[in-house]
Amino acid sequence: MDELTEVADAVADPVRREILVMLRHAPLTAGEIASRFTISRPAVSRHLRVLRESGLVRDEQVGRHRRYSLVRSRLGGLAAWLTQFDERHLDWPTRLAALDTEVHRTRRDRDRAQHTDTAHHSREDTA
């Protein structure tokens, strides 16, 4: 299974997404995470195992507790893939080139208008 699919499968579940949101701020123990859900502790443990196996969280033993923390770098591939659907992240080089063309066209038209206006006044002055 490729990394993108593995991460997407892991975040497909709403409980796992909520766990990731919780870990966004600070590492938490399994007990702290489980206490925030109405589902059983074994169910939360299974979700944590999926997140750990996908590489989205890491765990460390701290005394008698297992502390989980978010591995943000594992979300990069999924985030990059999703940006193609976000209109705010459209093809910037193409958009900037179009803007440059429009600026050039506007300046050209303004210069032509000024040149035509200047030539028209010159003819009036000589008449």
N, C-alpha and C. Protein backbone atom coordinates (compact mmCIF):
# COMPACT_ATOMS: atom_id res chain seq x y z
N MET A 1 0.85 -1.17 0.00
CA MET A 1 0.00 0.00 0.00
C MET A 1 0.90 1.24 0.00
N ASP A 2 0.58 2.21 -0.84
CA ASP A 2 1.41 3.43 -0.89
C ASP A 2 1.09 4.35 0.30
N GLU A 3 1.96 5.30 0.55
CA GLU A 3 1.84 6.18 1.71
C GLU A 3 0.55 6.98 1.68
N LEU A 4 0.19 7.53 0.52
CA LEU A 4 -1.02 8.34 0.42
C LEU A 4 -2.25 7.52 0.79
N THR A 5 -2.35 6.31 0.27
CA THR A 5 -3.49 5.45 0.56
C THR A 5 -3.53 5.06 2.03
N GLU A 6 -2.36 4.76 2.58
CA GLU A 6 -2.27 4.37 3.99
C GLU A 6 -2.74 5.51 4.90
N VAL A 7 -2.29 6.72 4.61
CA VAL A 7 -2.68 7.89 5.41
C VAL A 7 -4.17 8.19 5.21
N ALA A 8 -4.64 8.14 3.96
CA ALA A 8 -6.04 8.42 3.68
C ALA A 8 -6.95 7.41 4.38
N ASP A 9 -6.56 6.14 4.36
CA ASP A 9 -7.35 5.12 5.06
C ASP A 9 -7.39 5.41 6.56
N ALA A 10 -6.27 5.82 7.12
CA ALA A 10 -6.20 6.08 8.56
C ALA A 10 -7.07 7.27 8.95
N VAL A 11 -7.11 8.31 8.14
CA VAL A 11 -7.90 9.50 8.49
C VAL A 11 -9.35 9.40 8.02
N ALA A 12 -9.72 8.28 7.40
CA ALA A 12 -11.09 8.12 6.92
C ALA A 12 -12.08 7.99 8.07
N ASP A 13 -11.62 7.55 9.22
CA ASP A 13 -12.51 7.36 10.36
C ASP A 13 -12.62 8.64 11.19
N PRO A 14 -13.84 9.06 11.53
CA PRO A 14 -14.00 10.31 12.29
C PRO A 14 -13.36 10.28 13.68
N VAL A 15 -13.32 9.14 14.33
CA VAL A 15 -12.66 9.06 15.64
C VAL A 15 -11.17 9.31 15.50
N ARG A 16 -10.57 8.71 14.48
CA ARG A 16 -9.13 8.91 14.27
C ARG A 16 -8.83 10.36 13.89
N ARG A 17 -9.71 10.97 13.10
CA ARG A 17 -9.50 12.39 12.78
C ARG A 17 -9.57 13.24 14.04
N GLU A 18 -10.50 12.94 14.91
CA GLU A 18 -10.62 13.70 16.16
C GLU A 18 -9.38 13.50 17.03
N ILE A 19 -8.85 12.32 17.06
CA ILE A 19 -7.61 12.07 17.82
C ILE A 19 -6.48 12.92 17.25
N LEU A 20 -6.37 12.98 15.94
CA LEU A 20 -5.32 13.81 15.32
C LEU A 20 -5.49 15.28 15.70
N VAL A 21 -6.74 15.75 15.72
CA VAL A 21 -6.99 17.14 16.11
C VAL A 21 -6.56 17.36 17.56
N MET A 22 -6.87 16.41 18.43
CA MET A 22 -6.45 16.52 19.83
C MET A 22 -4.93 16.61 19.95
N LEU A 23 -4.23 15.81 19.18
CA LEU A 23 -2.77 15.75 19.27
C LEU A 23 -2.10 16.93 18.58
N ARG A 24 -2.86 17.69 17.85
CA ARG A 24 -2.32 18.86 17.15
C ARG A 24 -1.72 19.85 18.14
N HIS A 25 -2.27 19.94 19.31
CA HIS A 25 -1.83 20.93 20.29
C HIS A 25 -0.71 20.43 21.20
N ALA A 26 -0.79 19.16 21.61
CA ALA A 26 0.20 18.63 22.55
C ALA A 26 0.07 17.11 22.61
N PRO A 27 1.14 16.44 22.97
CA PRO A 27 1.06 14.98 23.17
C PRO A 27 0.09 14.66 24.32
N LEU A 28 -0.57 13.52 24.21
CA LEU A 28 -1.52 13.08 25.24
C LEU A 28 -1.30 11.59 25.51
N THR A 29 -1.64 11.18 26.71
CA THR A 29 -1.58 9.76 27.03
C THR A 29 -2.81 9.08 26.44
N ALA A 30 -2.72 7.76 26.33
CA ALA A 30 -3.86 6.99 25.82
C ALA A 30 -5.08 7.21 26.71
N GLY A 31 -4.88 7.28 28.02
CA GLY A 31 -5.98 7.52 28.94
C GLY A 31 -6.63 8.88 28.74
N GLU A 32 -5.81 9.90 28.52
CA GLU A 32 -6.35 11.25 28.27
C GLU A 32 -7.17 11.28 26.99
N ILE A 33 -6.69 10.58 25.99
CA ILE A 33 -7.43 10.52 24.71
C ILE A 33 -8.74 9.76 24.90
N ALA A 34 -8.66 8.60 25.53
CA ALA A 34 -9.85 7.76 25.72
C ALA A 34 -10.91 8.47 26.55
N SER A 35 -10.49 9.28 27.52
CA SER A 35 -11.47 9.94 28.39
C SER A 35 -12.33 10.95 27.65
N ARG A 36 -11.92 11.34 26.47
CA ARG A 36 -12.68 12.34 25.69
C ARG A 36 -13.71 11.71 24.75
N PHE A 37 -13.81 10.38 24.78
CA PHE A 37 -14.74 9.67 23.89
C PHE A 37 -15.73 8.85 24.71
N THR A 38 -16.88 8.60 24.10
CA THR A 38 -17.87 7.74 24.75
C THR A 38 -17.65 6.28 24.38
N ILE A 39 -16.79 5.99 23.42
CA ILE A 39 -16.51 4.61 23.04
C ILE A 39 -15.56 3.99 24.07
N SER A 40 -15.44 2.68 24.04
CA SER A 40 -14.64 1.97 25.04
C SER A 40 -13.14 2.24 24.87
N ARG A 41 -12.41 2.06 25.94
CA ARG A 41 -10.95 2.23 25.88
C ARG A 41 -10.31 1.27 24.88
N PRO A 42 -10.74 0.00 24.83
CA PRO A 42 -10.16 -0.90 23.82
C PRO A 42 -10.40 -0.40 22.39
N ALA A 43 -11.57 0.21 22.15
CA ALA A 43 -11.85 0.75 20.81
C ALA A 43 -10.91 1.91 20.51
N VAL A 44 -10.68 2.79 21.49
CA VAL A 44 -9.74 3.90 21.30
C VAL A 44 -8.34 3.34 21.06
N SER A 45 -7.97 2.30 21.79
CA SER A 45 -6.65 1.68 21.59
C SER A 45 -6.49 1.15 20.17
N ARG A 46 -7.54 0.57 19.63
CA ARG A 46 -7.47 0.09 18.23
C ARG A 46 -7.27 1.25 17.26
N HIS A 47 -7.96 2.36 17.50
CA HIS A 47 -7.78 3.55 16.65
C HIS A 47 -6.35 4.08 16.76
N LEU A 48 -5.84 4.11 17.97
CA LEU A 48 -4.45 4.57 18.17
C LEU A 48 -3.47 3.64 17.46
N ARG A 49 -3.73 2.34 17.47
CA ARG A 49 -2.86 1.39 16.78
C ARG A 49 -2.85 1.66 15.27
N VAL A 50 -4.03 1.91 14.70
CA VAL A 50 -4.12 2.23 13.27
C VAL A 50 -3.32 3.49 12.96
N LEU A 51 -3.48 4.51 13.78
CA LEU A 51 -2.74 5.76 13.58
C LEU A 51 -1.23 5.54 13.72
N ARG A 52 -0.85 4.73 14.69
CA ARG A 52 0.58 4.44 14.89
C ARG A 52 1.15 3.65 13.70
N GLU A 53 0.42 2.63 13.26
CA GLU A 53 0.90 1.81 12.14
C GLU A 53 0.96 2.58 10.84
N SER A 54 0.12 3.60 10.69
CA SER A 54 0.15 4.43 9.48
C SER A 54 1.25 5.49 9.57
N GLY A 55 1.85 5.63 10.76
CA GLY A 55 2.91 6.61 10.94
C GLY A 55 2.40 8.01 11.28
N LEU A 56 1.10 8.16 11.50
CA LEU A 56 0.55 9.48 11.80
C LEU A 56 0.78 9.90 13.25
N VAL A 57 0.96 8.94 14.13
CA VAL A 57 1.30 9.24 15.51
C VAL A 57 2.47 8.35 15.92
N ARG A 58 3.21 8.83 16.89
CA ARG A 58 4.25 8.00 17.52
C ARG A 58 3.91 7.92 18.99
N ASP A 59 4.37 6.86 19.60
CA ASP A 59 4.11 6.71 21.02
C ASP A 59 5.42 6.45 21.76
N GLU A 60 5.40 6.82 23.03
CA GLU A 60 6.55 6.55 23.89
C GLU A 60 6.01 6.18 25.26
N GLN A 61 6.74 5.30 25.90
CA GLN A 61 6.36 4.89 27.25
C GLN A 61 6.88 5.93 28.23
N VAL A 62 5.99 6.49 29.03
CA VAL A 62 6.36 7.46 30.05
C VAL A 62 5.81 6.91 31.37
N GLY A 63 6.68 6.28 32.13
CA GLY A 63 6.23 5.63 33.35
C GLY A 63 5.29 4.50 33.00
N ARG A 64 4.11 4.53 33.59
CA ARG A 64 3.12 3.49 33.31
C ARG A 64 2.22 3.85 32.13
N HIS A 65 2.41 5.02 31.57
CA HIS A 65 1.52 5.50 30.51
C HIS A 65 2.22 5.51 29.16
N ARG A 66 1.41 5.41 28.14
CA ARG A 66 1.89 5.53 26.77
C ARG A 66 1.44 6.89 26.27
N ARG A 67 2.38 7.74 25.88
CA ARG A 67 2.09 9.09 25.42
C ARG A 67 2.17 9.12 23.89
N TYR A 68 1.12 9.71 23.25
CA TYR A 68 1.04 9.78 21.80
C TYR A 68 1.27 11.21 21.33
N SER A 69 1.98 11.34 20.20
CA SER A 69 2.19 12.66 19.60
C SER A 69 1.98 12.56 18.09
N LEU A 70 1.59 13.65 17.52
CA LEU A 70 1.31 13.75 16.09
C LEU A 70 2.60 13.80 15.29
N VAL A 71 2.62 13.07 14.16
CA VAL A 71 3.73 13.14 13.21
C VAL A 71 3.21 13.92 12.00
N ARG A 72 3.39 15.22 12.05
CA ARG A 72 2.82 16.11 11.03
C ARG A 72 3.34 15.81 9.62
N SER A 73 4.57 15.40 9.51
CA SER A 73 5.16 15.18 8.19
C SER A 73 4.43 14.11 7.40
N ARG A 74 3.80 13.16 8.07
CA ARG A 74 3.07 12.09 7.37
C ARG A 74 1.81 12.63 6.68
N LEU A 75 1.34 13.79 7.09
CA LEU A 75 0.14 14.37 6.47
C LEU A 75 0.47 15.16 5.21
N GLY A 76 1.76 15.42 4.96
CA GLY A 76 2.16 16.26 3.84
C GLY A 76 1.72 15.75 2.49
N GLY A 77 1.88 14.46 2.24
CA GLY A 77 1.48 13.91 0.95
C GLY A 77 0.00 14.03 0.69
N LEU A 78 -0.80 13.75 1.71
CA LEU A 78 -2.25 13.87 1.57
C LEU A 78 -2.65 15.33 1.39
N ALA A 79 -2.03 16.21 2.18
CA ALA A 79 -2.34 17.64 2.06
C ALA A 79 -1.99 18.15 0.66
N ALA A 80 -0.83 17.74 0.15
CA ALA A 80 -0.42 18.17 -1.19
C ALA A 80 -1.40 17.66 -2.24
N TRP A 81 -1.83 16.43 -2.11
CA TRP A 81 -2.77 15.86 -3.07
C TRP A 81 -4.10 16.61 -3.02
N LEU A 82 -4.55 16.97 -1.82
CA LEU A 82 -5.83 17.66 -1.67
C LEU A 82 -5.81 19.08 -2.22
N THR A 83 -4.65 19.73 -2.26
CA THR A 83 -4.61 21.12 -2.73
C THR A 83 -5.03 21.26 -4.18
N GLN A 84 -4.94 20.18 -4.96
CA GLN A 84 -5.37 20.30 -6.35
C GLN A 84 -6.87 20.59 -6.48
N PHE A 85 -7.61 20.37 -5.40
CA PHE A 85 -9.05 20.63 -5.42
C PHE A 85 -9.40 21.96 -4.77
N ASP A 86 -8.43 22.66 -4.27
CA ASP A 86 -8.64 23.94 -3.59
C ASP A 86 -8.40 25.06 -4.59
N GLU A 87 -9.44 25.81 -4.89
CA GLU A 87 -9.33 26.87 -5.90
C GLU A 87 -8.32 27.94 -5.52
N ARG A 88 -8.01 28.06 -4.23
CA ARG A 88 -7.01 29.05 -3.81
C ARG A 88 -5.60 28.63 -4.20
N HIS A 89 -5.40 27.39 -4.60
CA HIS A 89 -4.08 26.90 -4.94
C HIS A 89 -3.99 26.48 -6.42
N LEU A 90 -4.70 27.17 -7.26
CA LEU A 90 -4.65 26.84 -8.68
C LEU A 90 -3.27 27.14 -9.24
N ASP A 91 -3.08 26.86 -10.47
CA ASP A 91 -1.78 26.98 -11.13
C ASP A 91 -1.28 28.42 -11.12
N TRP A 92 -0.48 28.78 -10.11
CA TRP A 92 0.00 30.16 -9.96
C TRP A 92 0.87 30.63 -11.12
N PRO A 93 1.79 29.84 -11.66
CA PRO A 93 2.57 30.36 -12.79
C PRO A 93 1.69 30.79 -13.97
N THR A 94 0.67 30.02 -14.26
CA THR A 94 -0.23 30.37 -15.36
C THR A 94 -1.02 31.63 -15.02
N ARG A 95 -1.50 31.72 -13.79
CA ARG A 95 -2.27 32.89 -13.39
C ARG A 95 -1.41 34.16 -13.40
N LEU A 96 -0.16 34.05 -12.94
CA LEU A 96 0.73 35.21 -12.93
C LEU A 96 1.11 35.62 -14.35
N ALA A 97 1.29 34.65 -15.24
CA ALA A 97 1.59 34.97 -16.63
C ALA A 97 0.42 35.70 -17.27
N ALA A 98 -0.80 35.26 -16.96
CA ALA A 98 -1.98 35.94 -17.50
C ALA A 98 -2.08 37.36 -16.96
N LEU A 99 -1.77 37.55 -15.69
CA LEU A 99 -1.77 38.89 -15.10
C LEU A 99 -0.72 39.77 -15.77
N ASP A 100 0.46 39.22 -16.00
CA ASP A 100 1.52 39.97 -16.67
C ASP A 100 1.09 40.40 -18.07
N THR A 101 0.44 39.49 -18.78
CA THR A 101 -0.07 39.81 -20.12
C THR A 101 -1.10 40.93 -20.05
N GLU A 102 -1.99 40.87 -19.08
CA GLU A 102 -3.03 41.89 -18.94
C GLU A 102 -2.43 43.25 -18.58
N VAL A 103 -1.43 43.26 -17.71
CA VAL A 103 -0.76 44.51 -17.35
C VAL A 103 -0.08 45.10 -18.59
N HIS A 104 0.61 44.24 -19.35
CA HIS A 104 1.28 44.70 -20.57
C HIS A 104 0.26 45.28 -21.56
N ARG A 105 -0.86 44.59 -21.73
CA ARG A 105 -1.89 45.05 -22.67
C ARG A 105 -2.47 46.39 -22.22
N THR A 106 -2.72 46.55 -20.93
CA THR A 106 -3.27 47.80 -20.40
C THR A 106 -2.30 48.95 -20.63
N ARG A 107 -1.02 48.72 -20.35
CA ARG A 107 -0.01 49.77 -20.57
C ARG A 107 0.10 50.13 -22.04
N ARG A 108 0.08 49.12 -22.89
CA ARG A 108 0.16 49.37 -24.33
C ARG A 108 -1.02 50.20 -24.80
N ASP A 109 -2.22 49.84 -24.37
CA ASP A 109 -3.42 50.58 -24.77
C ASP A 109 -3.38 52.01 -24.24
N ARG A 110 -2.91 52.19 -23.01
CA ARG A 110 -2.80 53.53 -22.43
C ARG A 110 -1.77 54.37 -23.21
N ASP A 111 -0.63 53.75 -23.54
CA ASP A 111 0.40 54.47 -24.31
C ASP A 111 -0.12 54.85 -25.69
N ARG A 112 -0.87 53.95 -26.32
CA ARG A 112 -1.45 54.26 -27.64
C ARG A 112 -2.44 55.42 -27.54
N ALA A 113 -3.26 55.38 -26.49
CA ALA A 113 -4.25 56.45 -26.31
C ALA A 113 -3.55 57.79 -26.08
N GLN A 114 -2.49 57.77 -25.27
CA GLN A 114 -1.75 59.01 -25.03
C GLN A 114 -1.07 59.48 -26.31
N HIS A 115 -0.53 58.56 -27.10
CA HIS A 115 0.13 58.93 -28.35
C HIS A 115 -0.88 59.50 -29.33
N THR A 116 -2.05 58.90 -29.42
CA THR A 116 -3.09 59.39 -30.32
C THR A 116 -3.57 60.77 -29.86
N ASP A 117 -3.75 60.94 -28.56
CA ASP A 117 -4.20 62.22 -28.00
C ASP A 117 -3.16 63.30 -28.26
N THR A 118 -1.87 62.97 -28.07
CA THR A 118 -0.79 63.93 -28.31
C THR A 118 -0.73 64.31 -29.78
N ALA A 119 -0.86 63.33 -30.67
CA ALA A 119 -0.83 63.60 -32.11
C ALA A 119 -2.03 64.46 -32.51
N HIS A 120 -3.17 64.23 -31.95
CA HIS A 120 -4.37 65.01 -32.27
C HIS A 120 -4.18 66.46 -31.83
N HIS A 121 -3.61 66.69 -30.62
CA HIS A 121 -3.37 68.06 -30.16
C HIS A 121 -2.31 68.75 -31.01
N SER A 122 -1.33 68.01 -31.46
CA SER A 122 -0.29 68.61 -32.30
C SER A 122 -0.89 69.11 -33.60
N ARG A 123 -1.82 68.35 -34.19
CA ARG A 123 -2.44 68.78 -35.43
C ARG A 123 -3.29 70.01 -35.21
N GLU A 124 -3.96 70.09 -34.04
CA GLU A 124 -4.78 71.26 -33.74
C GLU A 124 -3.90 72.50 -33.57
N ASP A 125 -2.70 72.31 -32.97
CA ASP A 125 -1.80 73.43 -32.74
C ASP A 125 -1.26 73.99 -34.06
N THR A 126 -1.06 73.12 -35.03
CA THR A 126 -0.50 73.57 -36.31
C THR A 126 -1.59 74.12 -37.23
N ALA A 127 -2.82 73.84 -36.96
CA ALA A 127 -3.90 74.28 -37.84
C ALA A 127 -4.25 75.73 -37.67
